[in-house]
């Protein structure tokens, strides 16, 4: 399966495919609203505002696998991001990003861009940069600030 074949669920429970974002550069990120990296929503939104008209899409996936940092519902996570950080890029239903129940999209991403010590997602705000053809260009650690991705992103746009 290629990246564009994966099905993803919206916060409202509707099914979409990644194909809906074909021909765009993407940043796919697992998120949490009660994490030390949560302020990165500001930087992600800044990138989105700056480059969405040039073909950038950011896909956010709330995850509660790391120290219970996303305990609420998908709707609560989306509302928190919208109200506190002005997030306007698409947020999706909560998923698992590691282990035997990891969503197939994240299984694919970690296979295409393995981590340094292990392929597993280690924490919230692991970010994947994907080109318009669905190729995973680069994986960024949770501590990598969104502004540090901008140079690589500009090369894709």
Protein backbone atom coordinates (compact mmCIF):
# COMPACT_ATOMS: atom_id res chain seq x y z
CA UNK A 1 0.00 0.00 0.00
CA UNK A 2 1.13 3.50 -0.77
CA UNK A 3 0.62 6.50 1.46
CA UNK A 4 -2.40 7.72 -0.47
CA UNK A 5 -4.28 4.42 0.08
CA UNK A 6 -4.61 4.78 3.85
CA UNK A 7 -7.98 5.55 5.39
CA UNK A 8 -8.10 8.11 8.18
CA UNK A 9 -11.02 9.10 10.38
CA UNK A 10 -12.06 12.67 10.99
CA UNK A 11 -12.94 13.97 14.42
CA UNK A 12 -16.60 13.66 13.38
CA UNK A 13 -16.15 9.95 12.55
CA UNK A 14 -16.13 10.35 8.77
CA UNK A 15 -13.69 8.30 6.71
CA UNK A 16 -11.26 10.03 4.38
CA UNK A 17 -8.20 8.79 2.59
CA UNK A 18 -4.79 10.39 2.52
CA UNK A 19 -5.43 10.61 -1.23
CA UNK A 20 -7.57 13.67 -0.42
CA UNK A 21 -4.25 15.46 0.18
CA UNK A 22 -2.44 14.17 -2.91
CA UNK A 23 -0.31 16.68 -4.80
CA UNK A 24 0.42 18.60 -1.59
CA UNK A 25 3.43 18.64 0.67
CA UNK A 26 2.36 17.36 4.08
CA UNK A 27 3.49 17.37 7.65
CA UNK A 28 1.93 14.48 9.57
CA UNK A 29 2.24 14.79 13.35
CA UNK A 30 1.01 12.92 16.40
CA UNK A 31 -0.22 15.41 18.98
CA UNK A 32 -1.29 15.74 22.60
CA UNK A 33 -2.83 18.69 24.41
CA UNK A 34 -1.17 18.11 27.79
CA UNK A 35 2.42 17.64 26.66
CA UNK A 36 5.50 19.80 27.15
CA UNK A 37 5.66 20.06 23.35
CA UNK A 38 2.03 21.23 23.01
CA UNK A 39 3.15 24.86 22.36
CA UNK A 40 4.47 23.56 19.02
CA UNK A 41 0.90 23.97 17.80
CA UNK A 42 1.77 27.68 17.47
CA UNK A 43 4.67 26.93 15.15
CA UNK A 44 2.73 24.37 13.14
CA UNK A 45 -0.10 26.84 12.66
CA UNK A 46 2.40 29.53 11.60
CA UNK A 47 3.81 27.18 8.93
CA UNK A 48 0.28 26.33 7.82
CA UNK A 49 -0.72 29.99 7.55
CA UNK A 50 2.43 30.85 5.64
CA UNK A 51 2.43 27.93 3.16
CA UNK A 52 -1.10 26.51 2.83
CA UNK A 53 -1.69 28.55 -0.33
CA UNK A 54 1.55 27.12 -1.74
CA UNK A 55 0.39 23.54 -1.26
CA UNK A 56 1.11 22.63 2.37
CA UNK A 57 -1.24 20.47 4.39
CA UNK A 58 -0.70 19.57 8.04
CA UNK A 59 -2.48 16.51 9.41
CA UNK A 60 -2.70 16.25 13.20
CA UNK A 61 -3.44 12.97 14.96
CA UNK A 62 -4.13 13.13 18.71
CA UNK A 63 -2.63 10.23 20.61
CA UNK A 64 -2.91 9.19 24.24
CA UNK A 65 -0.10 6.61 24.30
CA UNK A 66 2.43 8.76 26.10
CA UNK A 67 1.75 9.36 29.78
CA UNK A 68 -1.98 9.96 29.28
CA UNK A 69 -1.34 13.37 27.70
CA UNK A 70 -4.45 13.27 25.49
CA UNK A 71 -7.09 11.83 27.84
CA UNK A 72 -10.20 13.44 26.33
CA UNK A 73 -12.17 12.63 23.22
CA UNK A 74 -11.09 13.48 19.68
CA UNK A 75 -13.57 16.35 19.73
CA UNK A 76 -12.14 17.73 22.97
CA UNK A 77 -8.61 17.54 21.55
CA UNK A 78 -9.64 19.41 18.40
CA UNK A 79 -11.52 22.05 20.37
CA UNK A 80 -8.56 22.58 22.72
CA UNK A 81 -6.23 23.10 19.74
CA UNK A 82 -8.62 25.46 18.02
CA UNK A 83 -9.38 27.56 21.10
CA UNK A 84 -5.88 27.71 22.61
CA UNK A 85 -3.67 27.73 19.52
CA UNK A 86 -5.95 28.80 16.68
CA UNK A 87 -5.35 25.53 14.87
CA UNK A 88 -7.11 25.52 11.51
CA UNK A 89 -5.32 22.60 9.85
CA UNK A 90 -7.13 19.24 9.90
CA UNK A 91 -7.14 17.29 13.14
CA UNK A 92 -8.25 13.68 13.05
CA UNK A 93 -9.64 11.08 15.43
CA UNK A 94 -7.39 9.85 18.23
CA UNK A 95 -5.21 6.92 17.21
CA UNK A 96 -2.37 4.74 18.41
CA UNK A 97 0.93 5.50 16.71
CA UNK A 98 3.04 2.65 18.10
CA UNK A 99 2.68 -0.95 19.16
CA UNK A 100 0.46 -3.70 17.81
CA UNK A 101 -2.54 -1.36 17.48
CA UNK A 102 -0.66 1.40 15.67
CA UNK A 103 -2.68 2.94 12.87
CA UNK A 104 -1.51 1.62 9.46
CA UNK A 105 -0.60 5.16 8.38
CA UNK A 106 1.91 5.45 11.22
CA UNK A 107 3.17 1.91 10.61
CA UNK A 108 3.92 3.04 7.06
CA UNK A 109 5.53 6.32 8.12
CA UNK A 110 7.84 4.67 10.65
CA UNK A 111 8.84 2.01 8.11
CA UNK A 112 9.65 4.68 5.52
CA UNK A 113 11.47 6.94 7.98
CA UNK A 114 12.83 4.89 10.88
CA UNK A 115 14.01 6.59 14.03
CA UNK A 116 17.61 6.72 15.22
CA UNK A 117 17.42 4.06 17.92
CA UNK A 118 14.17 2.37 16.94
CA UNK A 119 11.43 2.69 14.33
CA UNK A 120 8.82 3.27 17.03
CA UNK A 121 7.38 6.71 17.69
CA UNK A 122 9.02 7.72 20.96
CA UNK A 123 6.80 10.64 22.00
CA UNK A 124 4.19 13.19 21.00
CA UNK A 125 4.96 15.65 18.21
CA UNK A 126 7.03 13.32 16.06
CA UNK A 127 6.72 14.95 12.66
CA UNK A 128 6.97 13.49 9.15
CA UNK A 129 7.56 15.63 6.07
CA UNK A 130 6.02 14.13 2.93
CA UNK A 131 6.33 15.32 -0.66
CA UNK A 132 3.46 15.75 -3.13
CA UNK A 133 4.03 12.22 -4.47
CA UNK A 134 3.58 10.60 -1.05
CA UNK A 135 7.26 9.99 -0.35
CA UNK A 136 8.37 10.39 3.24
CA UNK A 137 11.20 12.92 2.95
CA UNK A 138 12.23 13.25 6.59
CA UNK A 139 11.28 12.40 10.16
CA UNK A 140 11.71 14.98 12.93
CA UNK A 141 12.07 14.32 16.64
CA UNK A 142 9.47 15.68 19.06
CA UNK A 143 11.89 18.35 20.26
CA UNK A 144 12.36 19.69 16.71
CA UNK A 145 10.50 22.98 16.54
CA UNK A 146 8.26 23.49 13.49
CA UNK A 147 10.33 26.52 12.37
CA UNK A 148 13.30 24.14 11.99
CA UNK A 149 11.34 22.21 9.33
CA UNK A 150 10.73 25.32 7.21
CA UNK A 151 13.93 25.07 5.15
CA UNK A 152 13.19 21.47 4.13
CA UNK A 153 9.54 22.34 3.51
CA UNK A 154 10.39 25.24 1.22
CA UNK A 155 12.42 22.87 -0.97
CA UNK A 156 9.27 20.79 -1.54
CA UNK A 157 7.01 23.73 -2.34
